[in-house]
Amino acid sequence: MLVAALSAQAETRVEMDPVAPGPYQVSCSNLAHDIGKLNLLGGSVVDYWSGRDGRYVSDILLEPDDTLKASPLVPNEGLYPRRRNSTVDFTILACYPTDETNLSPDYVLPDGQIIPRMQRAGQPPIVAGRACIAAFPAPPGCTRWPLLAFSHGLGSSPADDKSIEFLVRLASYGYIVAAPFHGDARFLRLDLSDIGDLIYLIRNFDEFVELQALRPLAMKSVIDAMLEHPGFGSKIDQDRIGGIGASLGGETMILLLGAHLTKSYSNYSSTPTVTDPRIKAAVGYAPYAGQKYLPAFGDENVTAGYVSTPYLAISGTADSVSPMHRIIEAVSRFRGTHYLVALSDIGHTYEAAYADDVFGWVVPFFAAYLGGVDPGYASQGQLMQQLNIRGGLDDYLLIAHDAPPPHSVEFYHAGIDHYFMTASTAEAAFLDNNPGWGWSRTGKTFNVWLTQSSAPGGASPVCRFYGVFANGTQGSHFYTADPDECAYVKGRLEWGWGYEGVAFYAVLPAGGSCQSGAPPIYRVYNNGMGGAPNHRYLASQADVNAMVAQGWVPEGVAFCGAQ
């Protein structure tokens, strides 16, 4: 069955170019170190970042009052036998888009790594302004940035030799990224790749369960802290929060989205942890879903079936710490949209050389499910079409569940009396999840072909255009499957229509009608009523007649839909 699915995906998806680093300059929050204190206390800086031997990063901060922090109260529950009813501190490193007014110098960490334009004591974050794009009237939060909560792997930290570069690149695409120092070694010193540690894990399984349960608690408190922070809260769009995690951080995201944590090594029974419905989409790189004899989410990872939020998993086929069969087992149970990308012959590791492949998937995924902030770097349709990233690693799409099946959905905005259609499930989900934008479904749909290879021979790309009218107060979309009309509109720049790309594929009518029972899709035009053009695309002649009765102009069959 899996081979057949891969074959079908190879026929309908295509290879994509890597995604370049984003257009935004990046600044990060205060993480200044007190070198004198570090030398006095002893130990390596990595010991403090990872929480080893009773140490923690907060012990060596130079300006602790100006460093971000979350301090959740651990619930009085059996999941937390050693930490219940206590407060645990998590230092946070945040990176975010900034602008040319930010003259803060880069900061060099004790190990030589660079934190770009780092804030210092008394300095508020200089977060770049963001213009509303293609939103008329402007919805609440459109000038704010999406937030990504980042959870590192076991024994790692946001300041390790790979994480800082990763966080900065994420922020360059237009995200505020917040990453706590989990300091896992404060709770249990463990290396899942060490067989000796695995025996130790079995003997101290309740401590491992507590360590895992503390992570979603930490991430929820990090989101709270960012939203409540005087310098960041007003810059974050609370309706566009995502999560991304590596290794045990990938498991953390799955727990936050509703899966239950295995709490017994003997019978694989499971229990819920802290969840956070504010997370609208999540990514897991080498996400931990358990080992050969230890599933992470109950017996056979069955509770992964509680996850309905869009999730992208990227995992190596040679990963022995979180083997691929456990990833497949968990991801296949997700009820919502989910993807699994396989990296051939890659183990449980991340290297800077993997960045093009990883970001080639991560960027279009978040652009799709968090609304995207820069269409020039990833289109919402890209995720639905790509099979692998050109060059670099041997990556390929192993599982793709785009729910619901491909069709065009119509929305209506009562404030401007405009209609809008989209064949992107991600775009439709974004409008559904953000009612403040003013769009609601009309219930009108028709089936489409998302790729040329899935459409009949001779199918035409449906060109999508966007324009701003009525003195810049209203926007509208226009679609055409006629290649001559598409080229003509592209050439008439003075009309104000900007080409956005191919929306989907359709068959052109022959002599004004569709053949072989294909449904005709009619186009009607509002004749400029309200000061801005608007077109509606309908599969029912009765609906066309109703619009004509309201003064709209019929334009005939625009194209033929899929059956």
Protein backbone atom coordinates (compact mmCIF):
# COMPACT_ATOMS: atom_id res chain seq x y z
CA MET A 1 0.00 0.00 0.00
CA LEU A 2 2.83 2.41 0.88
CA VAL A 3 4.60 1.68 -2.42
CA ALA A 4 1.39 2.42 -4.32
CA ALA A 5 0.94 5.69 -2.43
CA LEU A 6 4.51 6.74 -3.21
CA SER A 7 3.99 5.91 -6.87
CA ALA A 8 0.80 8.00 -7.00
CA GLN A 9 2.53 10.95 -5.35
CA ALA A 10 5.43 10.75 -7.79
CA GLU A 11 2.94 11.02 -10.64
CA THR A 12 1.12 14.08 -9.28
CA ARG A 13 3.88 16.05 -7.50
CA VAL A 14 7.04 17.69 -8.75
CA GLU A 15 10.57 18.56 -7.64
CA MET A 16 10.93 22.07 -6.20
CA ASP A 17 13.88 24.44 -5.87
CA PRO A 18 15.31 25.09 -2.38
CA VAL A 19 13.91 28.06 -0.45
CA ALA A 20 16.44 30.86 0.02
CA PRO A 21 16.91 32.52 3.43
CA GLY A 22 14.19 35.06 4.15
CA PRO A 23 14.29 38.79 3.37
CA TYR A 24 14.26 40.09 6.93
CA GLN A 25 17.16 41.18 9.10
CA VAL A 26 17.09 39.39 12.45
CA SER A 27 17.63 40.48 16.03
CA CYS A 28 17.54 38.34 19.17
CA SER A 29 16.76 38.84 22.83
CA ASN A 30 19.30 39.30 25.62
CA LEU A 31 21.42 36.26 26.45
CA ALA A 32 24.54 38.04 27.72
CA HIS A 33 26.86 35.75 29.70
CA ASP A 34 28.87 36.64 32.79
CA ILE A 35 32.26 35.18 31.89
CA GLY A 36 33.67 35.93 35.33
CA LYS A 37 30.89 33.99 37.00
CA LEU A 38 31.31 31.13 34.51
CA ASN A 39 35.01 30.89 35.36
CA LEU A 40 34.29 31.11 39.07
CA LEU A 41 31.60 28.41 39.10
CA GLY A 42 33.49 26.08 36.78
CA GLY A 43 32.16 23.70 34.17
CA SER A 44 31.67 24.29 30.46
CA VAL A 45 29.11 26.69 29.04
CA VAL A 46 27.34 23.68 27.50
CA ASP A 47 26.85 22.26 31.01
CA TYR A 48 24.78 25.33 31.87
CA TRP A 49 22.86 25.37 28.59
CA SER A 50 21.85 21.71 28.97
CA GLY A 51 21.31 21.71 32.75
CA ARG A 52 24.05 19.21 33.64
CA ASP A 53 25.32 18.60 37.17
CA GLY A 54 22.83 20.94 38.84
CA ARG A 55 23.79 23.87 36.62
CA TYR A 56 21.50 26.00 34.44
CA VAL A 57 21.95 28.88 32.02
CA SER A 58 20.36 31.36 34.44
CA ASP A 59 23.37 30.83 36.76
CA ILE A 60 25.70 32.61 34.33
CA LEU A 61 23.55 35.39 32.89
CA LEU A 62 25.09 38.85 32.98
CA GLU A 63 21.79 40.75 32.76
CA PRO A 64 19.17 38.32 34.11
CA ASP A 65 16.47 40.96 34.61
CA ASP A 66 16.58 41.69 30.88
CA THR A 67 16.52 38.06 29.78
CA LEU A 68 13.22 36.43 28.79
CA LYS A 69 11.94 33.79 31.18
CA ALA A 70 8.92 31.57 31.81
CA SER A 71 8.22 30.15 35.26
CA PRO A 72 5.25 27.76 35.21
CA LEU A 73 3.83 26.17 38.34
CA VAL A 74 4.02 22.40 37.98
CA PRO A 75 0.57 20.82 38.52
CA ASN A 76 -0.09 18.64 41.53
CA GLU A 77 -0.38 15.48 39.44
CA GLY A 78 1.19 12.05 39.34
CA LEU A 79 3.00 12.88 36.12
CA TYR A 80 5.34 15.09 38.15
CA PRO A 81 6.41 13.01 41.18
CA ARG A 82 9.45 15.19 41.97
CA ARG A 83 8.40 18.61 40.71
CA ARG A 84 4.70 18.85 41.55
CA ASN A 85 3.59 22.10 43.22
CA SER A 86 6.93 23.74 42.45
CA THR A 87 7.92 26.51 40.07
CA VAL A 88 10.44 25.68 37.34
CA ASP A 89 12.29 28.43 35.46
CA PHE A 90 12.94 28.28 31.71
CA THR A 91 15.21 30.90 30.17
CA ILE A 92 14.05 31.93 26.67
CA LEU A 93 15.95 33.03 23.59
CA ALA A 94 13.75 34.86 21.06
CA CYS A 95 14.72 35.93 17.54
CA TYR A 96 12.57 38.16 15.37
CA PRO A 97 12.44 40.33 12.22
CA THR A 98 14.01 43.74 12.71
CA ASP A 99 14.78 46.75 10.51
CA GLU A 100 17.55 49.17 9.56
CA THR A 101 16.99 51.28 12.69
CA ASN A 102 18.37 48.43 14.81
CA LEU A 103 22.04 49.29 15.35
CA SER A 104 22.67 46.79 18.15
CA PRO A 105 25.96 44.93 17.64
CA ASP A 106 26.18 41.17 17.29
CA TYR A 107 27.03 39.29 20.49
CA VAL A 108 29.68 36.57 20.68
CA LEU A 109 28.88 33.68 23.01
CA PRO A 110 31.69 32.00 24.99
CA ASP A 111 31.94 29.23 22.38
CA GLY A 112 32.31 31.73 19.53
CA GLN A 113 28.78 31.59 18.18
CA ILE A 114 27.08 34.81 17.09
CA ILE A 115 23.72 36.15 18.26
CA PRO A 116 22.74 38.83 15.71
CA ARG A 117 21.89 42.37 16.89
CA MET A 118 21.36 41.16 20.44
CA GLN A 119 19.37 43.33 22.84
CA ARG A 120 21.18 44.52 25.95
CA ALA A 121 20.02 45.79 29.34
CA GLY A 122 17.21 48.31 29.11
CA GLN A 123 16.75 47.90 25.36
CA PRO A 124 13.26 46.98 24.10
CA PRO A 125 12.98 44.69 21.08
CA ILE A 126 13.06 46.55 17.76
CA VAL A 127 10.54 44.45 15.84
CA ALA A 128 10.12 45.37 12.18
CA GLY A 129 6.81 46.86 11.12
CA ARG A 130 4.57 44.77 8.94
CA ALA A 131 2.19 46.06 6.28
CA CYS A 132 -1.20 44.48 5.64
CA ILE A 133 -1.09 42.64 2.33
CA ALA A 134 -4.15 41.68 0.29
CA ALA A 135 -6.55 42.35 3.14
CA PHE A 136 -9.38 44.84 2.65
CA PRO A 137 -10.68 45.93 5.04
CA ALA A 138 -7.65 45.39 7.26
CA PRO A 139 -8.42 42.56 9.73
CA PRO A 140 -7.37 42.50 13.37
CA GLY A 141 -3.74 41.46 13.76
CA CYS A 142 -2.70 41.88 10.13
CA THR A 143 0.19 44.17 11.14
CA ARG A 144 1.43 41.58 13.62
CA TRP A 145 3.82 38.68 13.16
CA PRO A 146 3.15 34.96 13.60
CA LEU A 147 4.84 33.28 16.57
CA LEU A 148 6.77 30.01 16.38
CA ALA A 149 7.54 28.21 19.64
CA PHE A 150 10.71 26.12 19.21
CA SER A 151 11.51 23.06 21.35
CA HIS A 152 15.03 21.62 21.06
CA GLY A 153 16.06 18.00 21.43
CA LEU A 154 17.05 16.09 24.55
CA GLY A 155 20.35 17.34 25.96
CA SER A 156 20.52 20.18 23.46
CA SER A 157 19.69 23.90 23.81
CA PRO A 158 18.70 26.96 21.74
CA ALA A 159 22.35 28.07 21.94
CA ASP A 160 24.02 24.93 20.64
CA ASP A 161 26.13 24.96 17.49
CA LYS A 162 23.13 24.28 15.22
CA SER A 163 20.11 25.81 16.90
CA ILE A 164 21.02 29.51 16.73
CA GLU A 165 21.50 29.40 12.97
CA PHE A 166 18.20 27.51 12.67
CA LEU A 167 16.30 30.04 14.81
CA VAL A 168 17.75 33.01 12.93
CA ARG A 169 16.82 31.56 9.56
CA LEU A 170 13.26 30.89 10.75
CA ALA A 171 12.97 34.49 11.91
CA SER A 172 14.26 35.75 8.55
CA TYR A 173 11.05 34.55 6.91
CA GLY A 174 8.95 36.81 9.09
CA TYR A 175 8.35 34.92 12.34
CA ILE A 176 8.94 35.77 15.97
CA VAL A 177 10.64 32.61 17.24
CA ALA A 178 10.80 31.78 20.96
CA ALA A 179 12.91 28.91 22.28
CA PRO A 180 13.28 27.85 25.94
CA PHE A 181 16.34 26.21 27.43
CA HIS A 182 14.62 23.02 28.63
CA GLY A 183 17.64 22.05 30.70
CA ASP A 184 16.53 18.41 30.60
CA ALA A 185 19.55 17.21 32.57
CA ARG A 186 18.13 19.05 35.59
CA PHE A 187 15.46 16.36 35.70
CA LEU A 188 17.22 13.29 34.28
CA ARG A 189 20.66 12.79 32.72
CA LEU A 190 19.93 10.64 29.69
CA ASP A 191 21.19 9.88 26.17
CA LEU A 192 18.67 7.87 24.16
CA SER A 193 21.35 6.74 21.70
CA ASP A 194 23.33 5.05 24.50
CA ILE A 195 22.17 1.48 25.24
CA GLY A 196 23.48 1.82 28.78
CA ASP A 197 21.25 4.82 29.25
CA LEU A 198 18.30 2.83 27.88
CA ILE A 199 18.72 0.30 30.68
CA TYR A 200 18.93 3.21 33.10
CA LEU A 201 15.76 4.64 31.54
CA ILE A 202 13.81 1.45 32.25
CA ARG A 203 14.88 1.56 35.89
CA ASN A 204 13.94 5.22 36.21
CA PHE A 205 11.00 5.37 33.85
CA ASP A 206 8.87 7.64 36.04
CA GLU A 207 11.61 10.29 35.88
CA PHE A 208 11.69 10.03 32.09
CA VAL A 209 7.91 10.44 32.00
CA GLU A 210 8.19 13.54 34.20
CA LEU A 211 10.92 15.00 31.97
CA GLN A 212 8.73 14.53 28.89
CA ALA A 213 5.63 15.95 30.61
CA LEU A 214 7.51 19.07 31.73
CA ARG A 215 8.31 19.97 28.14
CA PRO A 216 4.77 20.77 26.90
CA LEU A 217 4.20 22.62 30.18
CA ALA A 218 7.29 24.70 29.41
CA MET A 219 6.21 25.41 25.83
CA LYS A 220 2.75 26.56 26.85
CA SER A 221 4.29 28.89 29.42
CA VAL A 222 6.71 30.24 26.79
CA ILE A 223 3.78 31.19 24.55
CA ASP A 224 2.08 32.82 27.55
CA ALA A 225 5.24 34.76 28.38
CA MET A 226 5.66 36.03 24.83
CA LEU A 227 2.04 37.15 24.55
CA GLU A 228 2.22 38.92 27.92
CA HIS A 229 5.60 40.58 27.32
CA PRO A 230 5.32 44.38 26.95
CA GLY A 231 7.75 44.44 24.03
CA PHE A 232 6.52 41.39 22.12
CA GLY A 233 2.86 40.88 23.00
CA SER A 234 1.53 43.69 20.81
CA LYS A 235 3.67 42.47 17.89
CA ILE A 236 2.32 38.90 17.83
CA ASP A 237 -0.80 37.73 16.02
CA GLN A 238 -2.44 35.46 18.58
CA ASP A 239 -4.36 33.67 15.82
CA ARG A 240 -1.16 32.59 14.06
CA ILE A 241 0.88 30.56 16.49
CA GLY A 242 2.86 27.54 15.36
CA GLY A 243 5.26 25.10 16.93
CA ILE A 244 8.44 23.41 15.77
CA GLY A 245 10.57 20.88 17.57
CA ALA A 246 13.55 18.61 17.03
CA SER A 247 13.77 15.06 18.35
CA LEU A 248 12.12 15.11 21.78
CA GLY A 249 10.93 18.59 20.82
CA GLY A 250 8.99 17.02 17.95
CA GLU A 251 7.34 14.70 20.47
CA THR A 252 6.60 17.75 22.62
CA MET A 253 4.62 19.28 19.75
CA ILE A 254 2.59 16.09 19.28
CA LEU A 255 1.77 16.06 23.00
CA LEU A 256 0.76 19.73 22.89
CA LEU A 257 -1.63 18.86 20.06
CA GLY A 258 -3.42 16.16 22.05
CA ALA A 259 -1.58 12.83 21.95
CA HIS A 260 -1.20 11.02 25.28
CA LEU A 261 2.19 10.19 26.78
CA THR A 262 3.19 6.59 27.49
CA LYS A 263 3.46 6.38 31.29
CA SER A 264 4.14 2.67 31.83
CA TYR A 265 6.98 0.65 30.36
CA SER A 266 5.24 -2.64 31.21
CA ASN A 267 1.85 -2.17 29.54
CA TYR A 268 2.28 1.03 27.48
CA SER A 269 -0.66 2.75 29.17
CA SER A 270 -0.81 6.48 28.48
CA THR A 271 -2.05 9.74 29.95
CA PRO A 272 -2.68 13.26 28.62
CA THR A 273 -0.22 16.08 29.29
CA VAL A 274 -0.58 19.84 28.93
CA THR A 275 -2.07 20.79 25.56
CA ASP A 276 -2.28 24.13 23.75
CA PRO A 277 -5.04 24.68 21.16
CA ARG A 278 -3.48 28.03 20.23
CA ILE A 279 -0.97 26.12 18.10
CA LYS A 280 -2.42 26.09 14.59
CA ALA A 281 0.31 24.03 12.89
CA ALA A 282 3.46 22.19 13.97
CA VAL A 283 6.64 20.69 12.55
CA GLY A 284 8.77 17.91 13.96
CA TYR A 285 12.32 17.30 12.74
CA ALA A 286 13.33 13.73 13.62
CA PRO A 287 10.36 13.71 16.01
CA TYR A 288 10.65 11.17 18.80
CA ALA A 289 7.75 8.71 18.54
CA GLY A 290 9.32 5.98 20.62
CA GLN A 291 11.83 3.20 20.13
CA LYS A 292 11.53 -0.36 18.93
CA TYR A 293 10.02 -1.64 22.18
CA LEU A 294 8.74 1.65 23.57
CA PRO A 295 6.07 3.68 21.74
CA ALA A 296 5.79 7.31 22.85
CA PHE A 297 2.01 7.70 22.64
CA GLY A 298 0.54 4.53 24.13
CA ASP A 299 0.48 1.01 22.73
CA GLU A 300 1.19 1.17 18.97
CA ASN A 301 1.10 4.97 19.32
CA VAL A 302 -2.68 4.77 19.20
CA THR A 303 -3.28 8.10 20.98
CA ALA A 304 -1.59 9.95 18.12
CA GLY A 305 -5.07 9.64 16.67
CA TYR A 306 -6.14 12.52 18.92
CA VAL A 307 -4.05 14.96 16.85
CA SER A 308 -6.10 16.93 14.31
CA THR A 309 -3.84 19.99 13.85
CA PRO A 310 -1.72 20.12 10.64
CA TYR A 311 1.66 18.49 11.27
CA LEU A 312 4.79 18.08 9.14
CA ALA A 313 7.30 15.40 10.15
CA ILE A 314 10.79 15.22 8.62
CA SER A 315 12.80 12.15 9.56
CA GLY A 316 15.87 10.19 8.47
CA THR A 317 15.51 6.63 7.24
CA ALA A 318 18.65 5.61 9.19
CA ASP A 319 17.42 7.06 12.50
CA SER A 320 17.90 4.45 15.23
CA VAL A 321 16.91 6.72 18.14
CA SER A 322 13.45 7.41 16.74
CA PRO A 323 13.07 4.72 14.08
CA MET A 324 11.04 5.42 10.96
CA HIS A 325 8.49 2.70 11.65
CA ARG A 326 7.46 4.49 14.86
CA ILE A 327 7.18 7.82 13.01
CA ILE A 328 5.00 6.23 10.33
CA GLU A 329 2.91 4.53 13.00
CA ALA A 330 2.22 7.84 14.76
CA VAL A 331 1.85 10.17 11.77
CA SER A 332 -0.49 7.77 9.97
CA ARG A 333 -2.90 8.02 12.91
CA PHE A 334 -3.17 11.82 12.84
CA ARG A 335 -6.73 12.85 11.96
CA GLY A 336 -5.88 16.19 10.37
CA THR A 337 -3.66 17.20 7.48
CA HIS A 338 -0.25 15.57 7.88
CA TYR A 339 2.95 15.01 5.93
CA LEU A 340 6.00 12.82 6.44
CA VAL A 341 9.18 13.62 4.52
CA ALA A 342 11.92 10.99 4.52
CA LEU A 343 15.64 11.84 4.33
CA SER A 344 17.45 8.85 2.85
CA ASP A 345 20.29 7.39 4.93
CA ILE A 346 20.18 10.20 7.50
CA GLY A 347 20.35 9.31 11.18
CA HIS A 348 19.15 11.10 14.29
CA THR A 349 21.04 14.31 13.60
CA TYR A 350 20.83 17.73 11.99
CA GLU A 351 23.65 19.45 10.14
CA ALA A 352 23.84 22.90 8.58
CA ALA A 353 24.18 21.19 5.18
CA TYR A 354 20.62 19.89 5.56
CA ALA A 355 19.13 23.39 5.77
CA ASP A 356 18.02 23.76 2.16
CA ASP A 357 16.09 20.50 2.24
CA VAL A 358 14.56 21.09 5.67
CA PHE A 359 13.55 24.70 5.07
CA GLY A 360 12.33 23.71 1.61
CA TRP A 361 9.53 21.89 3.45
CA VAL A 362 9.18 23.93 6.63
CA VAL A 363 8.74 27.32 4.95
CA PRO A 364 5.89 26.40 2.57
CA PHE A 365 4.21 24.40 5.36
CA PHE A 366 4.08 27.36 7.74
CA ALA A 367 3.30 29.72 4.86
CA ALA A 368 0.29 27.54 4.16
CA TYR A 369 -1.05 26.85 7.63
CA LEU A 370 -0.11 30.08 9.39
CA GLY A 371 -1.12 32.26 6.47
CA GLY A 372 2.39 33.05 5.27
CA VAL A 373 4.07 36.42 5.53
CA ASP A 374 5.99 36.68 2.28
CA PRO A 375 4.38 35.06 -0.80
CA GLY A 376 7.62 35.52 -2.72
CA TYR A 377 9.31 32.87 -0.58
CA ALA A 378 6.64 30.17 -0.54
CA SER A 379 3.25 29.92 -2.18
CA GLN A 380 0.35 28.25 -0.44
CA GLY A 381 0.00 25.90 -3.40
CA GLN A 382 3.64 24.83 -3.28
CA LEU A 383 3.17 22.36 -0.44
CA MET A 384 0.36 20.64 -2.32
CA GLN A 385 2.57 20.14 -5.37
CA GLN A 386 6.10 19.33 -4.21
CA LEU A 387 7.54 15.85 -4.06
CA ASN A 388 11.13 16.65 -3.08
CA ILE A 389 13.69 19.46 -2.99
CA ARG A 390 16.14 19.75 -5.87
CA GLY A 391 19.77 19.05 -4.98
CA GLY A 392 21.13 18.45 -1.49
CA LEU A 393 19.86 15.42 0.39
CA ASP A 394 17.82 12.61 -1.10
CA ASP A 395 14.49 13.71 0.37
CA TYR A 396 11.06 12.45 -0.68
CA LEU A 397 7.48 12.77 0.44
CA LEU A 398 6.54 9.51 2.14
CA ILE A 399 3.06 10.39 3.45
CA ALA A 400 0.79 13.23 2.31
CA HIS A 401 -2.71 13.57 3.67
CA ASP A 402 -4.23 16.78 2.36
CA ALA A 403 -7.68 16.85 3.90
CA PRO A 404 -10.27 17.47 2.56
CA PRO A 405 -10.07 16.24 -1.09
CA PRO A 406 -9.20 18.89 -3.71
CA HIS A 407 -12.02 21.27 -4.50
CA SER A 408 -12.52 24.98 -4.77
CA VAL A 409 -14.28 26.62 -1.83
CA GLU A 410 -16.14 29.93 -1.98
CA PHE A 411 -16.08 32.62 0.72
CA TYR A 412 -18.07 35.84 1.13
CA HIS A 413 -17.14 39.11 2.87
CA ALA A 414 -20.26 41.01 3.93
CA GLY A 415 -18.31 44.17 4.74
CA ILE A 416 -17.25 44.73 1.13
CA ASP A 417 -19.88 42.52 -0.58
CA HIS A 418 -17.20 40.46 -2.35
CA TYR A 419 -16.79 36.78 -3.14
CA PHE A 420 -13.52 34.84 -3.17
CA MET A 421 -12.68 31.27 -4.11
CA THR A 422 -9.64 29.14 -3.34
CA ALA A 423 -8.55 25.61 -4.15
CA SER A 424 -5.91 25.68 -1.41
CA THR A 425 -6.99 23.70 1.63
CA ALA A 426 -4.43 25.66 3.64
CA GLU A 427 -5.80 29.02 2.51
CA ALA A 428 -9.36 27.90 3.22
CA ALA A 429 -8.36 26.61 6.66
CA PHE A 430 -6.63 29.90 7.41
CA LEU A 431 -9.78 31.90 6.62
CA ASP A 432 -11.87 29.44 8.65
CA ASN A 433 -9.55 29.83 11.64
CA ASN A 434 -9.35 33.62 11.43
CA PRO A 435 -12.91 35.01 11.47
CA GLY A 436 -11.53 38.48 12.13
CA TRP A 437 -10.61 38.68 8.47
CA GLY A 438 -14.35 38.82 7.73
CA TRP A 439 -14.65 35.89 5.32
CA SER A 440 -17.19 33.07 5.76
CA ARG A 441 -18.02 30.06 3.61
CA THR A 442 -21.02 30.26 1.29
CA GLY A 443 -21.30 26.48 0.95
CA LYS A 444 -20.54 26.63 -2.79
CA THR A 445 -17.79 24.30 -4.03
CA PHE A 446 -16.66 22.53 -7.17
CA ASN A 447 -13.97 19.93 -7.79
CA VAL A 448 -10.65 20.83 -9.44
CA TRP A 449 -7.33 19.30 -10.46
CA LEU A 450 -4.46 20.67 -8.40
CA THR A 451 -1.68 19.53 -10.71
CA GLN A 452 -1.36 19.22 -14.47
CA SER A 453 -0.35 15.57 -14.20
CA SER A 454 -3.61 14.73 -12.40
CA ALA A 455 -5.76 16.57 -14.96
CA PRO A 456 -6.91 15.25 -18.36
CA GLY A 457 -4.73 15.83 -21.39
CA GLY A 458 -5.09 19.33 -22.76
CA ALA A 459 -6.07 20.84 -19.41
CA SER A 460 -5.14 24.49 -18.96
CA PRO A 461 -3.62 26.21 -15.93
CA VAL A 462 -6.08 28.55 -14.23
CA CYS A 463 -4.28 31.88 -13.79
CA ARG A 464 -4.91 33.74 -10.53
CA PHE A 465 -4.63 37.53 -10.35
CA TYR A 466 -4.99 39.97 -7.47
CA GLY A 467 -5.71 43.68 -7.65
CA VAL A 468 -6.30 46.60 -5.29
CA PHE A 469 -9.02 49.06 -6.22
CA ALA A 470 -11.33 51.79 -4.84
CA ASN A 471 -8.39 54.03 -3.95
CA GLY A 472 -6.57 51.20 -2.23
CA THR A 473 -9.42 50.21 0.07
CA GLN A 474 -10.63 46.99 -1.61
CA GLY A 475 -8.90 43.97 -3.08
CA SER A 476 -10.23 41.35 -5.48
CA HIS A 477 -9.15 38.17 -7.24
CA PHE A 478 -9.68 37.18 -10.85
CA TYR A 479 -9.29 33.73 -12.42
CA THR A 480 -9.08 32.60 -16.04
CA ALA A 481 -8.31 29.29 -17.74
CA ASP A 482 -8.08 30.93 -21.17
CA PRO A 483 -4.35 31.23 -22.00
CA ASP A 484 -4.96 34.19 -24.30
CA GLU A 485 -6.95 36.04 -21.63
CA CYS A 486 -4.29 35.22 -19.04
CA ALA A 487 -1.53 36.64 -21.25
CA TYR A 488 -3.64 39.70 -22.07
CA VAL A 489 -4.32 40.53 -18.41
CA LYS A 490 -0.64 40.02 -17.57
CA GLY A 491 0.25 42.56 -20.23
CA ARG A 492 -2.21 45.24 -19.12
CA LEU A 493 -0.44 46.41 -15.99
CA GLU A 494 -2.44 49.63 -15.97
CA TRP A 495 -5.52 47.59 -15.11
CA GLY A 496 -4.04 46.89 -11.69
CA TRP A 497 -4.09 43.08 -11.75
CA GLY A 498 -0.98 41.33 -10.41
CA TYR A 499 -0.32 37.73 -11.45
CA GLU A 500 -0.15 35.36 -8.44
CA GLY A 501 0.43 32.06 -10.24
CA VAL A 502 -1.51 28.91 -11.13
CA ALA A 503 -4.48 28.29 -8.84
CA PHE A 504 -5.41 24.86 -10.26
CA TYR A 505 -6.04 23.19 -13.63
CA ALA A 506 -9.22 22.99 -15.70
CA VAL A 507 -10.49 22.02 -19.14
CA LEU A 508 -11.62 24.76 -21.50
CA PRO A 509 -15.20 24.56 -22.81
CA ALA A 510 -15.71 23.60 -26.45
CA GLY A 511 -18.16 25.92 -28.15
CA GLY A 512 -19.27 27.29 -24.81
CA SER A 513 -20.12 23.91 -23.25
CA CYS A 514 -18.34 21.15 -21.35
CA GLN A 515 -17.97 17.63 -22.70
CA SER A 516 -18.32 14.14 -21.17
CA GLY A 517 -20.45 15.28 -18.27
CA ALA A 518 -17.84 17.66 -16.82
CA PRO A 519 -19.59 20.37 -14.77
CA PRO A 520 -19.52 23.86 -16.33
CA ILE A 521 -18.21 26.62 -14.08
CA TYR A 522 -19.84 29.94 -14.92
CA ARG A 523 -18.30 33.36 -14.34
CA VAL A 524 -20.34 36.41 -13.39
CA TYR A 525 -19.12 39.99 -12.92
CA ASN A 526 -20.41 42.62 -10.48
CA ASN A 527 -20.03 45.36 -13.08
CA GLY A 528 -17.91 47.42 -10.71
CA MET A 529 -20.62 47.83 -8.08
CA GLY A 530 -19.23 49.25 -4.84
CA GLY A 531 -16.27 50.80 -6.64
CA ALA A 532 -14.22 47.62 -7.14
CA PRO A 533 -14.50 44.68 -9.58
CA ASN A 534 -15.44 41.26 -8.29
CA HIS A 535 -16.11 37.98 -10.07
CA ARG A 536 -17.96 34.94 -8.87
CA TYR A 537 -17.47 31.36 -10.15
CA LEU A 538 -20.53 29.12 -9.90
CA ALA A 539 -21.43 25.55 -10.86
CA SER A 540 -25.18 26.22 -10.90
CA GLN A 541 -27.14 28.06 -13.60
CA ALA A 542 -29.76 28.87 -10.97
CA ASP A 543 -27.11 30.68 -8.91
CA VAL A 544 -26.03 32.57 -12.02
CA ASN A 545 -29.62 33.67 -12.65
CA ALA A 546 -29.93 34.88 -9.05
CA MET A 547 -26.79 37.01 -9.40
CA VAL A 548 -27.96 38.45 -12.74
CA ALA A 549 -31.19 39.48 -11.02
CA GLN A 550 -29.01 41.51 -8.60
CA GLY A 551 -27.31 43.37 -11.44
CA TRP A 552 -24.32 41.10 -12.07
CA VAL A 553 -23.20 40.46 -15.66
CA PRO A 554 -23.04 36.85 -16.96
CA GLU A 555 -19.78 35.99 -18.75
CA GLY A 556 -20.57 32.42 -19.81
CA VAL A 557 -18.70 29.21 -19.03
CA ALA A 558 -15.23 30.09 -17.74
CA PHE A 559 -13.95 26.51 -17.59
CA CYS A 560 -14.99 22.93 -16.89
CA GLY A 561 -14.54 21.48 -13.42
CA ALA A 562 -13.47 18.00 -12.39
CA GLN A 563 -16.16 15.36 -11.92
